[in-house]
Amino acid sequence: VFALVHVDRLAGALERVEQGSFVAVLLDLSLPDSQGLASLNRMHASKPGMPVVVLTSLDDEVLGLQLLQAGAQDYLVKGEVTGSLLRRSLRYAVERKRAEVELRRSEIFLESIVENIPHMIFVKDAGQLRFVRFNKAGEDLLGHTRQNLIGKSDYELFPKDEADFFTGADRDVLRNCKVLDVPEEPILTKGKGQRYLHTKKIPILDENGQPI
């Protein structure tokens, strides 16, 4: 159940949202003091993270896409709104925003683990085997900054015989979709000489079981 508070101007709405405790905003794009996407942008600037459902007089898919890209959780066409539709849209907006917050918290948690674990972790894309992720332990071990690594292949960073070995193992993992344990893997670091790594190569699969 939602208790609605009606305000007829954006300025008043921004003031109420700042002062009160609201779970969502139902925003008309045709207000006396503000029109169109500017209203949505001003609401987001004033109250970042607030779920916003937009009311518009135009049944326009292009406008709807623009609204969603600008951060609206949903949009409704005036004249087609029923009580049940409004409740469902607001409930969906609130639940979706909560899910986004929880997902972001999870991403931050995992990011912290990857960055602070004392072992090198790297990710390559399955197509061209270019580095797309590298953690701080990897930077410290290899002597390369992630800025120098991201987007590059082994052939741009290491001697050809090493690059052949790395990419051959990578292709085996992608072909078999199984973890590969490499007990001893020589690697020429930048400014730190030759090192020998114990490496595990792990295929990351999509929802269809294909390596990505």
C-alpha atoms as a PDB file:
ATOM      1  CA  VAL A   1       0.000   0.000   0.000  1.00  0.00           C
ATOM      2  CA  PHE A   2       1.339   3.421  -0.973  1.00  0.00           C
ATOM      3  CA  ALA A   3       0.299   6.736   0.587  1.00  0.00           C
ATOM      4  CA  LEU A   4       0.582   9.420  -2.101  1.00  0.00           C
ATOM      5  CA  VAL A   5       1.561  13.028  -1.382  1.00  0.00           C
ATOM      6  CA  HIS A   6       0.562  15.385  -4.209  1.00  0.00           C
ATOM      7  CA  VAL A   7       2.613  18.458  -5.165  1.00  0.00           C
ATOM      8  CA  ASP A   8       1.801  20.503  -8.286  1.00  0.00           C
ATOM      9  CA  ARG A   9       5.282  21.889  -9.044  1.00  0.00           C
ATOM     10  CA  LEU A  10       8.727  20.364  -9.317  1.00  0.00           C
ATOM     11  CA  ALA A  11      10.226  22.878  -6.888  1.00  0.00           C
ATOM     12  CA  GLY A  12       7.740  21.835  -4.240  1.00  0.00           C
ATOM     13  CA  ALA A  13       8.352  18.158  -4.973  1.00  0.00           C
ATOM     14  CA  LEU A  14      12.100  18.568  -4.597  1.00  0.00           C
ATOM     15  CA  GLU A  15      11.575  20.314  -1.284  1.00  0.00           C
ATOM     16  CA  ARG A  16       9.224  17.603   0.010  1.00  0.00           C
ATOM     17  CA  VAL A  17      11.528  14.814  -1.063  1.00  0.00           C
ATOM     18  CA  GLU A  18      14.455  16.468   0.713  1.00  0.00           C
ATOM     19  CA  GLN A  19      12.465  16.893   3.911  1.00  0.00           C
ATOM     20  CA  GLY A  20      10.438  13.676   4.010  1.00  0.00           C
ATOM     21  CA  SER A  21      10.936   9.933   3.891  1.00  0.00           C
ATOM     22  CA  PHE A  22       9.660   8.622   0.562  1.00  0.00           C
ATOM     23  CA  VAL A  23      10.191   5.278  -1.163  1.00  0.00           C
ATOM     24  CA  ALA A  24       9.530   6.514  -4.715  1.00  0.00           C
ATOM     25  CA  VAL A  25       8.549   9.523  -6.833  1.00  0.00           C
ATOM     26  CA  LEU A  26       5.745   9.607  -9.407  1.00  0.00           C
ATOM     27  CA  LEU A  27       6.904  12.402 -11.693  1.00  0.00           C
ATOM     28  CA  ASP A  28       4.754  14.222 -14.272  1.00  0.00           C
ATOM     29  CA  LEU A  29       6.810  15.503 -17.204  1.00  0.00           C
ATOM     30  CA  SER A  30       4.387  18.405 -17.781  1.00  0.00           C
ATOM     31  CA  LEU A  31       4.655  20.576 -14.689  1.00  0.00           C
ATOM     32  CA  PRO A  32       4.149  24.362 -14.607  1.00  0.00           C
ATOM     33  CA  ASP A  33       7.773  24.975 -13.654  1.00  0.00           C
ATOM     34  CA  SER A  34       9.548  22.135 -15.463  1.00  0.00           C
ATOM     35  CA  GLN A  35       9.099  20.065 -18.616  1.00  0.00           C
ATOM     36  CA  GLY A  36      10.410  16.818 -20.085  1.00  0.00           C
ATOM     37  CA  LEU A  37      13.686  15.096 -19.270  1.00  0.00           C
ATOM     38  CA  ALA A  38      14.902  18.149 -17.376  1.00  0.00           C
ATOM     39  CA  SER A  39      12.457  17.303 -14.586  1.00  0.00           C
ATOM     40  CA  LEU A  40      13.846  13.780 -14.259  1.00  0.00           C
ATOM     41  CA  ASN A  41      17.425  15.049 -14.306  1.00  0.00           C
ATOM     42  CA  ARG A  42      16.698  17.634 -11.611  1.00  0.00           C
ATOM     43  CA  MET A  43      15.032  15.010  -9.417  1.00  0.00           C
ATOM     44  CA  HIS A  44      18.017  12.679  -9.750  1.00  0.00           C
ATOM     45  CA  ALA A  45      20.432  15.523  -9.021  1.00  0.00           C
ATOM     46  CA  SER A  46      18.484  16.480  -5.914  1.00  0.00           C
ATOM     47  CA  LYS A  47      17.878  12.945  -4.637  1.00  0.00           C
ATOM     48  CA  PRO A  48      20.301  10.424  -6.171  1.00  0.00           C
ATOM     49  CA  GLY A  49      19.101   6.866  -5.848  1.00  0.00           C
ATOM     50  CA  MET A  50      15.410   7.724  -5.454  1.00  0.00           C
ATOM     51  CA  PRO A  51      13.261   5.413  -7.650  1.00  0.00           C
ATOM     52  CA  VAL A  52      11.325   7.551 -10.148  1.00  0.00           C
ATOM     53  CA  VAL A  53       8.278   6.475 -12.171  1.00  0.00           C
ATOM     54  CA  VAL A  54       7.497   8.981 -14.919  1.00  0.00           C
ATOM     55  CA  LEU A  55       4.060  10.080 -16.133  1.00  0.00           C
ATOM     56  CA  THR A  56       3.965  11.248 -19.745  1.00  0.00           C
ATOM     57  CA  SER A  57       1.178  12.218 -22.118  1.00  0.00           C
ATOM     58  CA  LEU A  58       2.990  10.638 -25.083  1.00  0.00           C
ATOM     59  CA  ASP A  59       2.923   6.935 -25.866  1.00  0.00           C
ATOM     60  CA  ASP A  60       6.326   7.168 -27.513  1.00  0.00           C
ATOM     61  CA  GLU A  61       8.791   4.246 -27.447  1.00  0.00           C
ATOM     62  CA  VAL A  62      11.743   6.509 -28.256  1.00  0.00           C
ATOM     63  CA  LEU A  63      10.878   8.808 -25.356  1.00  0.00           C
ATOM     64  CA  GLY A  64      10.347   5.798 -23.104  1.00  0.00           C
ATOM     65  CA  LEU A  65      13.808   4.480 -23.943  1.00  0.00           C
ATOM     66  CA  GLN A  66      15.332   7.903 -23.286  1.00  0.00           C
ATOM     67  CA  LEU A  67      13.613   8.033 -19.898  1.00  0.00           C
ATOM     68  CA  LEU A  68      14.878   4.595 -18.905  1.00  0.00           C
ATOM     69  CA  GLN A  69      18.395   5.447 -20.096  1.00  0.00           C
ATOM     70  CA  ALA A  70      18.219   8.642 -18.032  1.00  0.00           C
ATOM     71  CA  GLY A  71      17.470   6.615 -14.903  1.00  0.00           C
ATOM     72  CA  ALA A  72      13.680   6.330 -14.676  1.00  0.00           C
ATOM     73  CA  GLN A  73      12.619   2.999 -13.227  1.00  0.00           C
ATOM     74  CA  ASP A  74       9.436   2.960 -15.295  1.00  0.00           C
ATOM     75  CA  TYR A  75       7.125   5.255 -17.252  1.00  0.00           C
ATOM     76  CA  LEU A  76       3.327   5.381 -17.596  1.00  0.00           C
ATOM     77  CA  VAL A  77       1.146   7.057 -20.198  1.00  0.00           C
ATOM     78  CA  LYS A  78      -1.458   9.393 -18.744  1.00  0.00           C
ATOM     79  CA  GLY A  79      -4.980   8.371 -19.650  1.00  0.00           C
ATOM     80  CA  GLU A  80      -4.019   4.685 -19.558  1.00  0.00           C
ATOM     81  CA  VAL A  81      -3.156   4.477 -15.862  1.00  0.00           C
ATOM     82  CA  THR A  82      -5.335   2.377 -13.567  1.00  0.00           C
ATOM     83  CA  GLY A  83      -4.979   1.999  -9.832  1.00  0.00           C
ATOM     84  CA  SER A  84      -3.636  -1.535 -10.121  1.00  0.00           C
ATOM     85  CA  LEU A  85      -1.179  -0.516 -12.846  1.00  0.00           C
ATOM     86  CA  LEU A  86       0.080   2.377 -10.762  1.00  0.00           C
ATOM     87  CA  ARG A  87       0.558   0.214  -7.679  1.00  0.00           C
ATOM     88  CA  ARG A  88       2.335  -2.462  -9.699  1.00  0.00           C
ATOM     89  CA  SER A  89       4.635   0.078 -11.363  1.00  0.00           C
ATOM     90  CA  LEU A  90       5.576   1.743  -8.081  1.00  0.00           C
ATOM     91  CA  ARG A  91       6.163  -1.605  -6.377  1.00  0.00           C
ATOM     92  CA  TYR A  92       8.317  -2.747  -9.283  1.00  0.00           C
ATOM     93  CA  ALA A  93      10.306   0.497  -9.204  1.00  0.00           C
ATOM     94  CA  VAL A  94      11.034   0.181  -5.488  1.00  0.00           C
ATOM     95  CA  GLU A  95      11.981  -3.502  -5.710  1.00  0.00           C
ATOM     96  CA  ARG A  96      14.143  -2.938  -8.783  1.00  0.00           C
ATOM     97  CA  LYS A  97      16.002  -0.098  -7.091  1.00  0.00           C
ATOM     98  CA  ARG A  98      16.618  -2.247  -4.019  1.00  0.00           C
ATOM     99  CA  ALA A  99      17.952  -5.016  -6.257  1.00  0.00           C
ATOM    100  CA  GLU A 100      20.298  -2.531  -7.974  1.00  0.00           C
ATOM    101  CA  VAL A 101      21.618  -1.368  -4.605  1.00  0.00           C
ATOM    102  CA  GLU A 102      22.197  -4.943  -3.441  1.00  0.00           C
ATOM    103  CA  LEU A 103      23.928  -5.823  -6.722  1.00  0.00           C
ATOM    104  CA  ARG A 104      26.207  -2.803  -6.391  1.00  0.00           C
ATOM    105  CA  ARG A 105      27.064  -3.787  -2.818  1.00  0.00           C
ATOM    106  CA  SER A 106      27.904  -7.287  -4.011  1.00  0.00           C
ATOM    107  CA  GLU A 107      30.089  -5.887  -6.811  1.00  0.00           C
ATOM    108  CA  ILE A 108      31.970  -3.664  -4.361  1.00  0.00           C
ATOM    109  CA  PHE A 109      32.460  -6.621  -2.002  1.00  0.00           C
ATOM    110  CA  LEU A 110      33.853  -8.854  -4.755  1.00  0.00           C
ATOM    111  CA  GLU A 111      35.974  -6.001  -6.130  1.00  0.00           C
ATOM    112  CA  SER A 112      37.549  -5.562  -2.703  1.00  0.00           C
ATOM    113  CA  ILE A 113      38.371  -9.275  -2.485  1.00  0.00           C
ATOM    114  CA  VAL A 114      39.913  -9.392  -5.977  1.00  0.00           C
ATOM    115  CA  GLU A 115      41.981  -6.251  -5.402  1.00  0.00           C
ATOM    116  CA  ASN A 116      43.294  -7.247  -1.970  1.00  0.00           C
ATOM    117  CA  ILE A 117      43.876 -10.988  -2.314  1.00  0.00           C
ATOM    118  CA  PRO A 118      47.665 -11.652  -2.271  1.00  0.00           C
ATOM    119  CA  HIS A 119      47.566 -13.710  -5.485  1.00  0.00           C
ATOM    120  CA  MET A 120      47.603 -12.561  -9.089  1.00  0.00           C
ATOM    121  CA  ILE A 121      44.169 -12.645 -10.713  1.00  0.00           C
ATOM    122  CA  PHE A 122      43.678 -11.811 -14.372  1.00  0.00           C
ATOM    123  CA  VAL A 123      40.848 -12.224 -16.875  1.00  0.00           C
ATOM    124  CA  LYS A 124      41.103 -12.545 -20.652  1.00  0.00           C
ATOM    125  CA  ASP A 125      38.329 -12.398 -23.229  1.00  0.00           C
ATOM    126  CA  ALA A 126      37.679 -15.721 -24.957  1.00  0.00           C
ATOM    127  CA  GLY A 127      37.806 -14.265 -28.451  1.00  0.00           C
ATOM    128  CA  GLN A 128      41.213 -12.649 -28.800  1.00  0.00           C
ATOM    129  CA  LEU A 129      42.677 -13.598 -25.418  1.00  0.00           C
ATOM    130  CA  ARG A 130      43.298  -9.988 -24.493  1.00  0.00           C
ATOM    131  CA  PHE A 131      43.514  -8.943 -20.851  1.00  0.00           C
ATOM    132  CA  VAL A 132      40.325  -7.339 -19.565  1.00  0.00           C
ATOM    133  CA  ARG A 133      41.024  -7.474 -15.816  1.00  0.00           C
ATOM    134  CA  PHE A 134      44.126  -7.436 -13.636  1.00  0.00           C
ATOM    135  CA  ASN A 135      44.504  -7.017  -9.889  1.00  0.00           C
ATOM    136  CA  LYS A 136      47.151  -5.248  -7.807  1.00  0.00           C
ATOM    137  CA  ALA A 137      48.960  -8.444  -6.828  1.00  0.00           C
ATOM    138  CA  GLY A 138      49.424  -9.135 -10.541  1.00  0.00           C
ATOM    139  CA  GLU A 139      50.863  -5.675 -11.091  1.00  0.00           C
ATOM    140  CA  ASP A 140      53.317  -6.181  -8.232  1.00  0.00           C
ATOM    141  CA  LEU A 141      54.347  -9.623  -9.495  1.00  0.00           C
ATOM    142  CA  LEU A 142      54.832  -8.826 -13.180  1.00  0.00           C
ATOM    143  CA  GLY A 143      56.020  -5.229 -12.890  1.00  0.00           C
ATOM    144  CA  HIS A 144      53.396  -4.091 -15.424  1.00  0.00           C
ATOM    145  CA  THR A 145      50.660  -1.626 -14.585  1.00  0.00           C
ATOM    146  CA  ARG A 146      47.122  -2.680 -15.457  1.00  0.00           C
ATOM    147  CA  GLN A 147      46.907   0.318 -17.772  1.00  0.00           C
ATOM    148  CA  ASN A 148      49.743  -1.240 -19.767  1.00  0.00           C
ATOM    149  CA  LEU A 149      48.132  -4.697 -19.726  1.00  0.00           C
ATOM    150  CA  ILE A 150      44.429  -4.131 -20.363  1.00  0.00           C
ATOM    151  CA  GLY A 151      43.490  -4.644 -24.001  1.00  0.00           C
ATOM    152  CA  LYS A 152      46.753  -6.365 -24.900  1.00  0.00           C
ATOM    153  CA  SER A 153      47.545  -9.992 -25.745  1.00  0.00           C
ATOM    154  CA  ASP A 154      50.433 -12.085 -24.456  1.00  0.00           C
ATOM    155  CA  TYR A 155      52.276 -11.518 -27.742  1.00  0.00           C
ATOM    156  CA  GLU A 156      52.425  -7.781 -27.027  1.00  0.00           C
ATOM    157  CA  LEU A 157      53.898  -8.304 -23.561  1.00  0.00           C
ATOM    158  CA  PHE A 158      56.064 -11.435 -23.464  1.00  0.00           C
ATOM    159  CA  PRO A 159      58.614 -13.294 -25.633  1.00  0.00           C
ATOM    160  CA  LYS A 160      57.047 -15.400 -28.396  1.00  0.00           C
ATOM    161  CA  ASP A 161      57.860 -18.770 -26.822  1.00  0.00           C
ATOM    162  CA  GLU A 162      56.172 -17.724 -23.577  1.00  0.00           C
ATOM    163  CA  ALA A 163      53.205 -16.225 -25.410  1.00  0.00           C
ATOM    164  CA  ASP A 164      52.811 -19.448 -27.422  1.00  0.00           C
ATOM    165  CA  PHE A 165      52.754 -21.449 -24.185  1.00  0.00           C
ATOM    166  CA  PHE A 166      50.229 -19.146 -22.486  1.00  0.00           C
ATOM    167  CA  THR A 167      47.830 -18.959 -25.409  1.00  0.00           C
ATOM    168  CA  GLY A 168      48.071 -22.686 -26.082  1.00  0.00           C
ATOM    169  CA  ALA A 169      47.014 -23.408 -22.513  1.00  0.00           C
ATOM    170  CA  ASP A 170      44.268 -20.808 -22.766  1.00  0.00           C
ATOM    171  CA  ARG A 171      42.877 -22.435 -25.914  1.00  0.00           C
ATOM    172  CA  ASP A 172      42.892 -25.850 -24.202  1.00  0.00           C
ATOM    173  CA  VAL A 173      40.819 -24.420 -21.364  1.00  0.00           C
ATOM    174  CA  LEU A 174      38.343 -22.790 -23.741  1.00  0.00           C
ATOM    175  CA  ARG A 175      38.063 -25.921 -25.885  1.00  0.00           C
ATOM    176  CA  ASN A 176      37.556 -28.364 -22.986  1.00  0.00           C
ATOM    177  CA  CYS A 177      35.719 -25.964 -20.637  1.00  0.00           C
ATOM    178  CA  LYS A 178      37.649 -27.403 -17.712  1.00  0.00           C
ATOM    179  CA  VAL A 179      40.049 -25.980 -15.142  1.00  0.00           C
ATOM    180  CA  LEU A 180      43.689 -26.388 -16.133  1.00  0.00           C
ATOM    181  CA  ASP A 181      46.386 -26.599 -13.464  1.00  0.00           C
ATOM    182  CA  VAL A 182      49.847 -25.515 -14.637  1.00  0.00           C
ATOM    183  CA  PRO A 183      52.353 -26.484 -11.890  1.00  0.00           C
ATOM    184  CA  GLU A 184      55.271 -24.515 -13.339  1.00  0.00           C
ATOM    185  CA  GLU A 185      54.858 -21.656 -15.794  1.00  0.00           C
ATOM    186  CA  PRO A 186      57.917 -19.498 -16.630  1.00  0.00           C
ATOM    187  CA  ILE A 187      57.275 -15.814 -17.206  1.00  0.00           C
ATOM    188  CA  LEU A 188      59.580 -12.911 -17.955  1.00  0.00           C
ATOM    189  CA  THR A 189      58.584  -9.989 -15.744  1.00  0.00           C
ATOM    190  CA  LYS A 190      59.255  -6.319 -16.336  1.00  0.00           C
ATOM    191  CA  GLY A 191      62.348  -5.385 -14.318  1.00  0.00           C
ATOM    192  CA  LYS A 192      62.098  -8.367 -11.975  1.00  0.00           C
ATOM    193  CA  GLY A 193      63.683 -11.098 -14.063  1.00  0.00           C
ATOM    194  CA  GLN A 194      62.349 -14.593 -14.738  1.00  0.00           C
ATOM    195  CA  ARG A 195      59.684 -15.961 -12.402  1.00  0.00           C
ATOM    196  CA  TYR A 196      57.946 -19.331 -12.202  1.00  0.00           C
ATOM    197  CA  LEU A 197      54.264 -19.424 -11.484  1.00  0.00           C
ATOM    198  CA  HIS A 198      51.846 -22.104 -10.356  1.00  0.00           C
ATOM    199  CA  THR A 199      48.793 -21.119 -12.372  1.00  0.00           C
ATOM    200  CA  LYS A 200      45.187 -22.245 -12.528  1.00  0.00           C
ATOM    201  CA  LYS A 201      43.295 -21.306 -15.665  1.00  0.00           C
ATOM    202  CA  ILE A 202      39.534 -21.316 -15.181  1.00  0.00           C
ATOM    203  CA  PRO A 203      36.924 -21.027 -17.963  1.00  0.00           C
ATOM    204  CA  ILE A 204      34.188 -18.470 -17.271  1.00  0.00           C
ATOM    205  CA  LEU A 205      30.998 -19.646 -18.987  1.00  0.00           C
ATOM    206  CA  ASP A 206      27.816 -17.907 -20.048  1.00  0.00           C
ATOM    207  CA  GLU A 207      24.291 -19.158 -19.351  1.00  0.00           C
ATOM    208  CA  ASN A 208      24.580 -21.535 -22.328  1.00  0.00           C
ATOM    209  CA  GLY A 209      27.817 -23.084 -21.099  1.00  0.00           C
ATOM    210  CA  GLN A 210      29.967 -21.277 -23.657  1.00  0.00           C
ATOM    211  CA  PRO A 211      33.248 -19.673 -22.556  1.00  0.00           C
ATOM    212  CA  ILE A 212      33.331 -15.893 -22.506  1.00  0.00           C
END
